[in-house]
C-alpha atoms as a PDB file:
ATOM      1  CA  UNK A   1      18.338  -3.593  10.722  1.00  0.00           C
ATOM      2  CA  UNK A   2      15.221  -2.612   8.832  1.00  0.00           C
ATOM      3  CA  UNK A   3      12.081  -2.551  11.015  1.00  0.00           C
ATOM      4  CA  UNK A   4       8.679  -2.322   9.361  1.00  0.00           C
ATOM      5  CA  UNK A   5       6.336   0.503  10.345  1.00  0.00           C
ATOM      6  CA  UNK A   6       3.997  -0.381  13.234  1.00  0.00           C
ATOM      7  CA  UNK A   7       5.682  -3.785  13.349  1.00  0.00           C
ATOM      8  CA  UNK A   8       4.757  -4.703  16.931  1.00  0.00           C
ATOM      9  CA  UNK A   9       1.191  -3.462  16.563  1.00  0.00           C
ATOM     10  CA  UNK A  10       0.627  -5.538  13.418  1.00  0.00           C
ATOM     11  CA  UNK A  11       2.135  -8.726  14.843  1.00  0.00           C
ATOM     12  CA  UNK A  12       0.329  -8.321  18.176  1.00  0.00           C
ATOM     13  CA  UNK A  13      -2.982  -8.171  16.312  1.00  0.00           C
ATOM     14  CA  UNK A  14      -2.437 -10.884  13.698  1.00  0.00           C
ATOM     15  CA  UNK A  15      -0.809 -13.055  16.400  1.00  0.00           C
ATOM     16  CA  UNK A  16       0.783 -15.718  14.174  1.00  0.00           C
ATOM     17  CA  UNK A  17       0.617 -19.219  15.680  1.00  0.00           C
ATOM     18  CA  UNK A  18       2.520 -22.451  14.887  1.00  0.00           C
ATOM     19  CA  UNK A  19       1.000 -24.515  12.117  1.00  0.00           C
ATOM     20  CA  UNK A  20      -1.176 -21.752  10.689  1.00  0.00           C
ATOM     21  CA  UNK A  21      -1.101 -19.981   7.319  1.00  0.00           C
ATOM     22  CA  UNK A  22      -0.663 -16.283   6.594  1.00  0.00           C
ATOM     23  CA  UNK A  23      -0.356 -13.839   3.692  1.00  0.00           C
ATOM     24  CA  UNK A  24       1.826 -10.754   3.500  1.00  0.00           C
ATOM     25  CA  UNK A  25       0.304  -8.856   0.582  1.00  0.00           C
ATOM     26  CA  UNK A  26       3.274  -6.480   0.384  1.00  0.00           C
ATOM     27  CA  UNK A  27       6.593  -8.261   0.958  1.00  0.00           C
ATOM     28  CA  UNK A  28       8.930  -5.298   0.508  1.00  0.00           C
ATOM     29  CA  UNK A  29      12.048  -5.792   2.622  1.00  0.00           C
ATOM     30  CA  UNK A  30      10.402  -8.716   4.407  1.00  0.00           C
ATOM     31  CA  UNK A  31       9.854  -7.254   7.867  1.00  0.00           C
ATOM     32  CA  UNK A  32       6.262  -8.337   8.434  1.00  0.00           C
ATOM     33  CA  UNK A  33       6.884 -11.602   6.583  1.00  0.00           C
ATOM     34  CA  UNK A  34       9.745 -12.338   8.956  1.00  0.00           C
ATOM     35  CA  UNK A  35       7.473 -11.764  11.948  1.00  0.00           C
ATOM     36  CA  UNK A  36       4.746 -13.982  10.509  1.00  0.00           C
ATOM     37  CA  UNK A  37       7.241 -16.766   9.823  1.00  0.00           C
ATOM     38  CA  UNK A  38       8.725 -16.511  13.318  1.00  0.00           C
ATOM     39  CA  UNK A  39       5.278 -17.050  14.806  1.00  0.00           C
ATOM     40  CA  UNK A  40       3.994 -19.839  12.571  1.00  0.00           C
ATOM     41  CA  UNK A  41       7.064 -22.074  12.286  1.00  0.00           C
ATOM     42  CA  UNK A  42       8.000 -24.879  12.341  1.00  0.00           C
ATOM     43  CA  UNK A  43       4.963 -26.229  10.484  1.00  0.00           C
ATOM     44  CA  UNK A  44       3.139 -23.082   9.361  1.00  0.00           C
ATOM     45  CA  UNK A  45       3.667 -21.193   6.128  1.00  0.00           C
ATOM     46  CA  UNK A  46       3.474 -17.716   4.603  1.00  0.00           C
ATOM     47  CA  UNK A  47       2.665 -16.440   1.122  1.00  0.00           C
ATOM     48  CA  UNK A  48       4.085 -13.026   0.249  1.00  0.00           C
ATOM     49  CA  UNK A  49       3.256 -10.851  -2.758  1.00  0.00           C
ATOM     50  CA  UNK A  50       5.414  -8.246  -4.434  1.00  0.00           C
ATOM     51  CA  UNK A  51       5.483  -6.664  -7.875  1.00  0.00           C
ATOM     52  CA  UNK A  52       9.215  -6.060  -7.557  1.00  0.00           C
ATOM     53  CA  UNK A  53      11.330  -9.103  -8.463  1.00  0.00           C
ATOM     54  CA  UNK A  54      14.380  -7.485  -6.856  1.00  0.00           C
ATOM     55  CA  UNK A  55      12.505  -7.071  -3.573  1.00  0.00           C
ATOM     56  CA  UNK A  56      11.551 -10.760  -3.597  1.00  0.00           C
ATOM     57  CA  UNK A  57      15.150 -11.873  -4.169  1.00  0.00           C
ATOM     58  CA  UNK A  58      16.544  -9.587  -1.481  1.00  0.00           C
ATOM     59  CA  UNK A  59      13.886 -10.541   1.057  1.00  0.00           C
ATOM     60  CA  UNK A  60      14.536 -14.251   0.500  1.00  0.00           C
ATOM     61  CA  UNK A  61      18.255 -13.699   1.045  1.00  0.00           C
ATOM     62  CA  UNK A  62      17.591 -11.710   4.205  1.00  0.00           C
ATOM     63  CA  UNK A  63      15.221 -14.341   5.639  1.00  0.00           C
ATOM     64  CA  UNK A  64      17.802 -17.108   5.311  1.00  0.00           C
ATOM     65  CA  UNK A  65      16.627 -20.587   6.320  1.00  0.00           C
ATOM     66  CA  UNK A  66      13.138 -19.306   7.184  1.00  0.00           C
ATOM     67  CA  UNK A  67      12.611 -18.606   3.469  1.00  0.00           C
ATOM     68  CA  UNK A  68      12.147 -22.360   2.950  1.00  0.00           C
ATOM     69  CA  UNK A  69       8.715 -21.939   4.546  1.00  0.00           C
ATOM     70  CA  UNK A  70       7.891 -18.930   2.367  1.00  0.00           C
ATOM     71  CA  UNK A  71       5.993 -18.967  -0.917  1.00  0.00           C
ATOM     72  CA  UNK A  72       6.386 -15.829  -3.009  1.00  0.00           C
ATOM     73  CA  UNK A  73       4.212 -14.458  -5.788  1.00  0.00           C
ATOM     74  CA  UNK A  74       5.667 -11.974  -8.273  1.00  0.00           C
ATOM     75  CA  UNK A  75       2.344 -10.227  -8.683  1.00  0.00           C
ATOM     76  CA  UNK A  76       0.303  -7.266  -7.593  1.00  0.00           C
ATOM     77  CA  UNK A  77      -1.983  -8.042  -4.678  1.00  0.00           C
ATOM     78  CA  UNK A  78      -4.861  -7.025  -6.948  1.00  0.00           C
ATOM     79  CA  UNK A  79      -4.694 -10.685  -8.041  1.00  0.00           C
ATOM     80  CA  UNK A  80      -4.696 -12.116  -4.521  1.00  0.00           C
ATOM     81  CA  UNK A  81      -8.109 -13.755  -4.920  1.00  0.00           C
ATOM     82  CA  UNK A  82      -6.846 -15.822  -7.865  1.00  0.00           C
ATOM     83  CA  UNK A  83      -3.153 -16.310  -7.092  1.00  0.00           C
ATOM     84  CA  UNK A  84      -3.408 -17.258  -3.398  1.00  0.00           C
ATOM     85  CA  UNK A  85      -5.788 -20.241  -3.909  1.00  0.00           C
ATOM     86  CA  UNK A  86      -3.721 -21.430  -6.878  1.00  0.00           C
ATOM     87  CA  UNK A  87      -0.694 -21.644  -4.540  1.00  0.00           C
ATOM     88  CA  UNK A  88      -2.520 -23.492  -1.783  1.00  0.00           C
ATOM     89  CA  UNK A  89      -3.602 -20.485   0.291  1.00  0.00           C
ATOM     90  CA  UNK A  90      -7.351 -20.644  -0.277  1.00  0.00           C
ATOM     91  CA  UNK A  91      -8.189 -20.022   3.381  1.00  0.00           C
ATOM     92  CA  UNK A  92      -5.745 -18.333   5.754  1.00  0.00           C
ATOM     93  CA  UNK A  93      -5.512 -17.271   9.383  1.00  0.00           C
ATOM     94  CA  UNK A  94      -4.212 -13.753   8.862  1.00  0.00           C
ATOM     95  CA  UNK A  95      -3.296 -11.164   6.226  1.00  0.00           C
ATOM     96  CA  UNK A  96      -1.091  -8.066   6.340  1.00  0.00           C
ATOM     97  CA  UNK A  97      -1.103  -5.148   3.892  1.00  0.00           C
ATOM     98  CA  UNK A  98       1.664  -2.534   4.209  1.00  0.00           C
ATOM     99  CA  UNK A  99       0.697  -0.174   1.404  1.00  0.00           C
ATOM    100  CA  UNK A 100       2.747   2.336  -0.506  1.00  0.00           C
ATOM    101  CA  UNK A 101       6.435   2.536  -1.250  1.00  0.00           C
ATOM    102  CA  UNK A 102       9.116   0.539   0.548  1.00  0.00           C
ATOM    103  CA  UNK A 103      12.204   2.283   1.900  1.00  0.00           C
ATOM    104  CA  UNK A 104      14.316   0.045  -0.332  1.00  0.00           C
ATOM    105  CA  UNK A 105      12.571   1.358  -3.445  1.00  0.00           C
ATOM    106  CA  UNK A 106      12.678   4.954  -2.238  1.00  0.00           C
ATOM    107  CA  UNK A 107      16.386   4.752  -1.462  1.00  0.00           C
ATOM    108  CA  UNK A 108      17.318   3.127  -4.780  1.00  0.00           C
ATOM    109  CA  UNK A 109      17.922   6.241  -6.848  1.00  0.00           C
ATOM    110  CA  UNK A 110      17.729   4.659 -10.285  1.00  0.00           C
ATOM    111  CA  UNK A 111      14.139   3.545  -9.661  1.00  0.00           C
ATOM    112  CA  UNK A 112      13.037   7.149 -10.064  1.00  0.00           C
ATOM    113  CA  UNK A 113      10.748   7.365  -7.032  1.00  0.00           C
ATOM    114  CA  UNK A 114      12.614  10.124  -5.230  1.00  0.00           C
ATOM    115  CA  UNK A 115      13.766  13.634  -6.115  1.00  0.00           C
ATOM    116  CA  UNK A 116      16.763  13.132  -3.806  1.00  0.00           C
ATOM    117  CA  UNK A 117      18.513  11.445  -6.728  1.00  0.00           C
ATOM    118  CA  UNK A 118      18.910  12.421 -10.365  1.00  0.00           C
ATOM    119  CA  UNK A 119      17.481   9.449 -12.224  1.00  0.00           C
ATOM    120  CA  UNK A 120      15.103   8.531 -15.047  1.00  0.00           C
ATOM    121  CA  UNK A 121      11.439   9.184 -14.239  1.00  0.00           C
ATOM    122  CA  UNK A 122      10.400   5.557 -13.858  1.00  0.00           C
ATOM    123  CA  UNK A 123       8.415   4.890 -10.636  1.00  0.00           C
ATOM    124  CA  UNK A 124       7.213   1.437 -11.707  1.00  0.00           C
ATOM    125  CA  UNK A 125       7.089  -1.095  -8.887  1.00  0.00           C
ATOM    126  CA  UNK A 126       7.195  -3.821 -11.517  1.00  0.00           C
ATOM    127  CA  UNK A 127       9.803  -2.704 -14.023  1.00  0.00           C
ATOM    128  CA  UNK A 128       8.877  -5.447 -16.454  1.00  0.00           C
ATOM    129  CA  UNK A 129       5.646  -3.813 -17.542  1.00  0.00           C
ATOM    130  CA  UNK A 130       3.530  -0.697 -17.689  1.00  0.00           C
ATOM    131  CA  UNK A 131       4.039   2.971 -18.444  1.00  0.00           C
ATOM    132  CA  UNK A 132       6.671   4.984 -16.617  1.00  0.00           C
ATOM    133  CA  UNK A 133       6.172   8.324 -14.935  1.00  0.00           C
ATOM    134  CA  UNK A 134       8.037   9.896 -17.856  1.00  0.00           C
ATOM    135  CA  UNK A 135       5.456   8.413 -20.215  1.00  0.00           C
ATOM    136  CA  UNK A 136       2.662  10.088 -18.261  1.00  0.00           C
ATOM    137  CA  UNK A 137       4.453  13.415 -17.866  1.00  0.00           C
ATOM    138  CA  UNK A 138       5.334  13.637 -21.547  1.00  0.00           C
ATOM    139  CA  UNK A 139       2.192  12.291 -23.206  1.00  0.00           C
ATOM    140  CA  UNK A 140      -0.873  13.070 -21.097  1.00  0.00           C
ATOM    141  CA  UNK A 141      -2.953  16.150 -21.741  1.00  0.00           C
ATOM    142  CA  UNK A 142      -2.836  19.111 -19.410  1.00  0.00           C
ATOM    143  CA  UNK A 143      -6.314  18.220 -18.158  1.00  0.00           C
ATOM    144  CA  UNK A 144      -5.331  14.605 -17.426  1.00  0.00           C
ATOM    145  CA  UNK A 145      -2.208  15.654 -15.528  1.00  0.00           C
ATOM    146  CA  UNK A 146      -4.216  18.158 -13.522  1.00  0.00           C
ATOM    147  CA  UNK A 147      -6.707  15.415 -12.609  1.00  0.00           C
ATOM    148  CA  UNK A 148      -3.919  13.068 -11.480  1.00  0.00           C
ATOM    149  CA  UNK A 149      -2.269  15.753  -9.331  1.00  0.00           C
ATOM    150  CA  UNK A 150      -5.573  16.675  -7.691  1.00  0.00           C
ATOM    151  CA  UNK A 151      -7.019  13.197  -7.238  1.00  0.00           C
ATOM    152  CA  UNK A 152      -3.919  11.312  -6.096  1.00  0.00           C
ATOM    153  CA  UNK A 153      -1.872  14.102  -4.549  1.00  0.00           C
ATOM    154  CA  UNK A 154      -4.401  16.687  -3.377  1.00  0.00           C
ATOM    155  CA  UNK A 155      -2.143  19.227  -5.094  1.00  0.00           C
ATOM    156  CA  UNK A 156      -3.865  22.610  -4.914  1.00  0.00           C
ATOM    157  CA  UNK A 157      -1.578  24.069  -7.575  1.00  0.00           C
ATOM    158  CA  UNK A 158      -2.252  21.199  -9.965  1.00  0.00           C
ATOM    159  CA  UNK A 159      -3.721  23.369 -12.699  1.00  0.00           C
ATOM    160  CA  UNK A 160      -0.689  25.663 -12.866  1.00  0.00           C
ATOM    161  CA  UNK A 161       1.831  22.833 -12.537  1.00  0.00           C
ATOM    162  CA  UNK A 162       0.174  20.768 -15.262  1.00  0.00           C
ATOM    163  CA  UNK A 163       0.442  23.709 -17.667  1.00  0.00           C
ATOM    164  CA  UNK A 164       4.070  24.339 -16.758  1.00  0.00           C
ATOM    165  CA  UNK A 165       4.914  20.689 -17.326  1.00  0.00           C
ATOM    166  CA  UNK A 166       3.185  20.534 -20.720  1.00  0.00           C
ATOM    167  CA  UNK A 167       4.950  23.735 -21.792  1.00  0.00           C
ATOM    168  CA  UNK A 168       8.351  22.365 -20.686  1.00  0.00           C
ATOM    169  CA  UNK A 169       8.312  18.934 -22.312  1.00  0.00           C
ATOM    170  CA  UNK A 170      10.209  16.691 -22.648  1.00  0.00           C
ATOM    171  CA  UNK A 171      10.983  16.029 -18.966  1.00  0.00           C
ATOM    172  CA  UNK A 172      12.866  12.793 -18.418  1.00  0.00           C
ATOM    173  CA  UNK A 173      14.550  12.893 -15.003  1.00  0.00           C
ATOM    174  CA  UNK A 174      13.497  13.219 -11.398  1.00  0.00           C
ATOM    175  CA  UNK A 175      15.521  16.351 -10.710  1.00  0.00           C
ATOM    176  CA  UNK A 176      14.325  18.055 -13.872  1.00  0.00           C
ATOM    177  CA  UNK A 177      10.719  17.582 -12.776  1.00  0.00           C
ATOM    178  CA  UNK A 178      11.368  18.453  -9.129  1.00  0.00           C
ATOM    179  CA  UNK A 179      13.253  21.645 -10.007  1.00  0.00           C
ATOM    180  CA  UNK A 180      10.582  22.679 -12.509  1.00  0.00           C
ATOM    181  CA  UNK A 181       7.904  22.350  -9.826  1.00  0.00           C
ATOM    182  CA  UNK A 182       9.971  24.097  -7.152  1.00  0.00           C
ATOM    183  CA  UNK A 183      10.676  27.030  -9.469  1.00  0.00           C
ATOM    184  CA  UNK A 184       7.030  27.485 -10.445  1.00  0.00           C
ATOM    185  CA  UNK A 185       5.125  26.722  -7.255  1.00  0.00           C
ATOM    186  CA  UNK A 186       4.197  29.614  -4.953  1.00  0.00           C
ATOM    187  CA  UNK A 187       6.239  29.675  -1.758  1.00  0.00           C
ATOM    188  CA  UNK A 188       9.916  28.919  -1.414  1.00  0.00           C
ATOM    189  CA  UNK A 189      11.459  25.622  -0.369  1.00  0.00           C
ATOM    190  CA  UNK A 190      12.577  27.244   2.876  1.00  0.00           C
ATOM    191  CA  UNK A 191       9.050  28.069   4.026  1.00  0.00           C
ATOM    192  CA  UNK A 192       7.674  24.571   3.417  1.00  0.00           C
ATOM    193  CA  UNK A 193       7.999  21.521   5.631  1.00  0.00           C
ATOM    194  CA  UNK A 194       8.145  19.232   2.608  1.00  0.00           C
ATOM    195  CA  UNK A 195       9.634  19.626  -0.851  1.00  0.00           C
ATOM    196  CA  UNK A 196       7.289  21.441  -3.287  1.00  0.00           C
ATOM    197  CA  UNK A 197       7.277  18.397  -5.589  1.00  0.00           C
ATOM    198  CA  UNK A 198       6.229  15.869  -2.927  1.00  0.00           C
ATOM    199  CA  UNK A 199       2.539  15.727  -3.845  1.00  0.00           C
ATOM    200  CA  UNK A 200       3.175  15.561  -7.589  1.00  0.00           C
ATOM    201  CA  UNK A 201       5.643  12.696  -7.158  1.00  0.00           C
ATOM    202  CA  UNK A 202       3.162  10.848  -4.944  1.00  0.00           C
ATOM    203  CA  UNK A 203       0.379  11.362  -7.466  1.00  0.00           C
ATOM    204  CA  UNK A 204       2.471  10.127 -10.390  1.00  0.00           C
ATOM    205  CA  UNK A 205       3.604   7.048  -8.464  1.00  0.00           C
ATOM    206  CA  UNK A 206       0.030   6.126  -7.569  1.00  0.00           C
ATOM    207  CA  UNK A 207      -1.096   6.616 -11.164  1.00  0.00           C
ATOM    208  CA  UNK A 208       1.819   4.667 -12.673  1.00  0.00           C
ATOM    209  CA  UNK A 209       1.174   1.653 -10.429  1.00  0.00           C
ATOM    210  CA  UNK A 210      -2.624   1.955 -10.260  1.00  0.00           C
ATOM    211  CA  UNK A 211      -2.296   1.650  -6.494  1.00  0.00           C
ATOM    212  CA  UNK A 212      -5.881   2.552  -5.675  1.00  0.00           C
ATOM    213  CA  UNK A 213      -7.208   0.195  -8.322  1.00  0.00           C
ATOM    214  CA  UNK A 214      -5.117  -2.624  -6.863  1.00  0.00           C
ATOM    215  CA  UNK A 215      -6.431  -1.878  -3.375  1.00  0.00           C
ATOM    216  CA  UNK A 216     -10.039  -1.757  -4.574  1.00  0.00           C
ATOM    217  CA  UNK A 217      -9.620  -5.186  -6.181  1.00  0.00           C
ATOM    218  CA  UNK A 218      -7.317  -6.822  -3.659  1.00  0.00           C
ATOM    219  CA  UNK A 219      -8.672  -5.897  -0.239  1.00  0.00           C
ATOM    220  CA  UNK A 220     -12.215  -7.321  -0.652  1.00  0.00           C
ATOM    221  CA  UNK A 221     -10.727 -10.483  -2.178  1.00  0.00           C
ATOM    222  CA  UNK A 222      -8.305 -10.812   0.730  1.00  0.00           C
ATOM    223  CA  UNK A 223     -11.122 -10.584   3.263  1.00  0.00           C
ATOM    224  CA  UNK A 224     -12.864 -13.473   1.493  1.00  0.00           C
ATOM    225  CA  UNK A 225      -9.694 -15.576   1.959  1.00  0.00           C
ATOM    226  CA  UNK A 226      -9.774 -15.213   5.743  1.00  0.00           C
ATOM    227  CA  UNK A 227     -10.970 -18.143   7.813  1.00  0.00           C
ATOM    228  CA  UNK A 228     -13.656 -17.403  10.421  1.00  0.00           C
ATOM    229  CA  UNK A 229     -11.795 -15.692  13.250  1.00  0.00           C
ATOM    230  CA  UNK A 230      -8.945 -14.777  10.893  1.00  0.00           C
ATOM    231  CA  UNK A 231      -7.436 -11.332  11.278  1.00  0.00           C
ATOM    232  CA  UNK A 232      -6.387  -8.626   8.844  1.00  0.00           C
ATOM    233  CA  UNK A 233      -4.158  -5.574   9.326  1.00  0.00           C
ATOM    234  CA  UNK A 234      -3.794  -2.765   6.776  1.00  0.00           C
ATOM    235  CA  UNK A 235      -1.242   0.053   6.995  1.00  0.00           C
ATOM    236  CA  UNK A 236      -1.805   3.044   4.710  1.00  0.00           C
ATOM    237  CA  UNK A 237       0.259   6.175   4.221  1.00  0.00           C
ATOM    238  CA  UNK A 238      -2.075   8.682   2.621  1.00  0.00           C
ATOM    239  CA  UNK A 239      -5.684   9.694   3.068  1.00  0.00           C
ATOM    240  CA  UNK A 240      -7.012   8.140  -0.151  1.00  0.00           C
ATOM    241  CA  UNK A 241      -5.906   4.655   0.858  1.00  0.00           C
ATOM    242  CA  UNK A 242      -6.922   5.078   4.481  1.00  0.00           C
ATOM    243  CA  UNK A 243     -10.367   6.378   3.547  1.00  0.00           C
ATOM    244  CA  UNK A 244     -10.994   3.392   1.279  1.00  0.00           C
ATOM    245  CA  UNK A 245      -9.882   0.911   3.959  1.00  0.00           C
ATOM    246  CA  UNK A 246     -11.973   2.646   6.621  1.00  0.00           C
ATOM    247  CA  UNK A 247     -15.113   2.680   4.475  1.00  0.00           C
ATOM    248  CA  UNK A 248     -14.701  -0.908   3.274  1.00  0.00           C
ATOM    249  CA  UNK A 249     -14.189  -2.199   6.818  1.00  0.00           C
ATOM    250  CA  UNK A 250     -17.229  -0.207   7.936  1.00  0.00           C
ATOM    251  CA  UNK A 251     -19.413  -1.687   5.204  1.00  0.00           C
ATOM    252  CA  UNK A 252     -18.189  -5.242   5.860  1.00  0.00           C
ATOM    253  CA  UNK A 253     -18.930  -4.794   9.569  1.00  0.00           C
ATOM    254  CA  UNK A 254     -22.597  -3.899   8.954  1.00  0.00           C
ATOM    255  CA  UNK A 255     -25.456  -6.367   9.066  1.00  0.00           C
ATOM    256  CA  UNK A 256     -27.455  -4.293   6.553  1.00  0.00           C
ATOM    257  CA  UNK A 257     -26.360  -2.041   3.691  1.00  0.00           C
ATOM    258  CA  UNK A 258     -29.782  -0.806   2.596  1.00  0.00           C
ATOM    259  CA  UNK A 259     -30.215   3.000   2.301  1.00  0.00           C
ATOM    260  CA  UNK A 260     -30.869   4.581   5.701  1.00  0.00           C
ATOM    261  CA  UNK A 261     -34.277   5.865   4.603  1.00  0.00           C
ATOM    262  CA  UNK A 262     -35.429   2.354   3.673  1.00  0.00           C
ATOM    263  CA  UNK A 263     -37.697   0.945   6.396  1.00  0.00           C
ATOM    264  CA  UNK A 264     -37.579  -2.765   5.471  1.00  0.00           C
ATOM    265  CA  UNK A 265     -34.247  -4.527   4.814  1.00  0.00           C
ATOM    266  CA  UNK A 266     -34.047  -6.169   1.404  1.00  0.00           C
ATOM    267  CA  UNK A 267     -30.280  -6.464   0.928  1.00  0.00           C
ATOM    268  CA  UNK A 268     -29.735  -9.941   2.461  1.00  0.00           C
ATOM    269  CA  UNK A 269     -26.325  -8.673   3.558  1.00  0.00           C
ATOM    270  CA  UNK A 270     -24.563 -10.474   6.410  1.00  0.00           C
ATOM    271  CA  UNK A 271     -21.859  -9.008   8.608  1.00  0.00           C
ATOM    272  CA  UNK A 272     -18.402 -10.130   7.457  1.00  0.00           C
ATOM    273  CA  UNK A 273     -16.000  -8.320   9.809  1.00  0.00           C
ATOM    274  CA  UNK A 274     -15.795  -7.422  13.467  1.00  0.00           C
ATOM    275  CA  UNK A 275     -13.986  -4.145  14.231  1.00  0.00           C
ATOM    276  CA  UNK A 276     -12.422  -4.306  17.701  1.00  0.00           C
ATOM    277  CA  UNK A 277     -11.461  -0.624  17.784  1.00  0.00           C
ATOM    278  CA  UNK A 278     -14.687   0.710  16.260  1.00  0.00           C
ATOM    279  CA  UNK A 279     -12.662   1.266  13.076  1.00  0.00           C
ATOM    280  CA  UNK A 280     -10.313   3.765  14.718  1.00  0.00           C
ATOM    281  CA  UNK A 281      -6.840   3.933  13.191  1.00  0.00           C
ATOM    282  CA  UNK A 282      -3.716   3.062  15.168  1.00  0.00           C
ATOM    283  CA  UNK A 283      -0.927   5.619  14.723  1.00  0.00           C
ATOM    284  CA  UNK A 284       2.832   5.325  15.274  1.00  0.00           C
ATOM    285  CA  UNK A 285       4.137   6.338  18.679  1.00  0.00           C
ATOM    286  CA  UNK A 286       6.236   9.452  19.133  1.00  0.00           C
ATOM    287  CA  UNK A 287       9.247   7.178  19.677  1.00  0.00           C
ATOM    288  CA  UNK A 288       8.704   5.372  16.373  1.00  0.00           C
ATOM    289  CA  UNK A 289       8.312   8.633  14.461  1.00  0.00           C
ATOM    290  CA  UNK A 290      11.496   9.978  16.050  1.00  0.00           C
ATOM    291  CA  UNK A 291      13.385   6.869  14.941  1.00  0.00           C
ATOM    292  CA  UNK A 292      11.731   6.677  11.507  1.00  0.00           C
ATOM    293  CA  UNK A 293      10.245   9.990  10.297  1.00  0.00           C
ATOM    294  CA  UNK A 294       8.744   8.228   7.260  1.00  0.00           C
ATOM    295  CA  UNK A 295       6.307   6.495   9.606  1.00  0.00           C
ATOM    296  CA  UNK A 296       4.590   9.739  10.646  1.00  0.00           C
ATOM    297  CA  UNK A 297       1.732   9.426   8.140  1.00  0.00           C
ATOM    298  CA  UNK A 298       1.099   5.697   8.727  1.00  0.00           C
ATOM    299  CA  UNK A 299      -2.367   4.575   9.796  1.00  0.00           C
ATOM    300  CA  UNK A 300      -3.139   0.989  10.804  1.00  0.00           C
ATOM    301  CA  UNK A 301      -6.663  -0.442  10.687  1.00  0.00           C
ATOM    302  CA  UNK A 302      -7.497  -3.909  11.957  1.00  0.00           C
ATOM    303  CA  UNK A 303     -10.434  -6.292  11.641  1.00  0.00           C
ATOM    304  CA  UNK A 304     -11.450  -9.883  12.354  1.00  0.00           C
ATOM    305  CA  UNK A 305     -13.521 -12.225  10.177  1.00  0.00           C
ATOM    306  CA  UNK A 306     -16.845 -13.022  11.804  1.00  0.00           C
ATOM    307  CA  UNK A 307     -17.136 -16.624  12.958  1.00  0.00           C
ATOM    308  CA  UNK A 308     -20.646 -17.859  12.185  1.00  0.00           C
ATOM    309  CA  UNK A 309     -22.410 -20.602  14.062  1.00  0.00           C
ATOM    310  CA  UNK A 310     -23.496 -23.583  11.978  1.00  0.00           C
END
């Protein structure tokens, strides 16, 4: 049975209770949603977001009778501030974000996320809209590709790989791109812990789905949806996401955001979040990594909405 990354840690923190309302911003296979439903039934409810219509259908089937208490939104969580209130979730007791790619998507070869399968270069989480990875690879300038590889993948060989890709167009399949990178990147496959194309594939996926843009729009809006005392848990899988979450939580936990050199506060900012772990990330245990190697890069950050006296 599929078990979500850091499942126990997330549910222990959010602590779903009967009769309360929760949001899973990233439904995926439904692991965290299932845990939220188990805690809040029989008279609580959960709203879950996913861009992937197939994921929503499969999760509902997997949840069985519990799905009757689930509301789903076929939408990116970038729209959470608008969609959640429109569906009756204007104020909630807890929110979970499990960012990045689900195992279901990664293991479905035809989706084009993985170089383990020979498939069209798609990588769209929502296949009903947007540009594919092939569109980016075959139309962007060398400079734009280099920027994507560096910004979203921290690929040190981005300049060389961007040139090789532009010179080798058209490139339409996952294996064609992966082999091109492996054959032109310094160092052999055998001397590297990960495949030479890993960072480029990550960068393209993030760019195709505007994952950072969605996080920048969705996370602040989600925090506003929390009731006083409500709790939020965010799992990220790469440093760009984790850095944004860490910095946003830090800023929302301050009682002043004026420049440090400013003597008198003029910002009128009020603390929004309490950080119980001083904003330190929770990492998977050695046992979890051994059972699920994909969890090794996961970082969980948690926060609680400040309850103000009236």
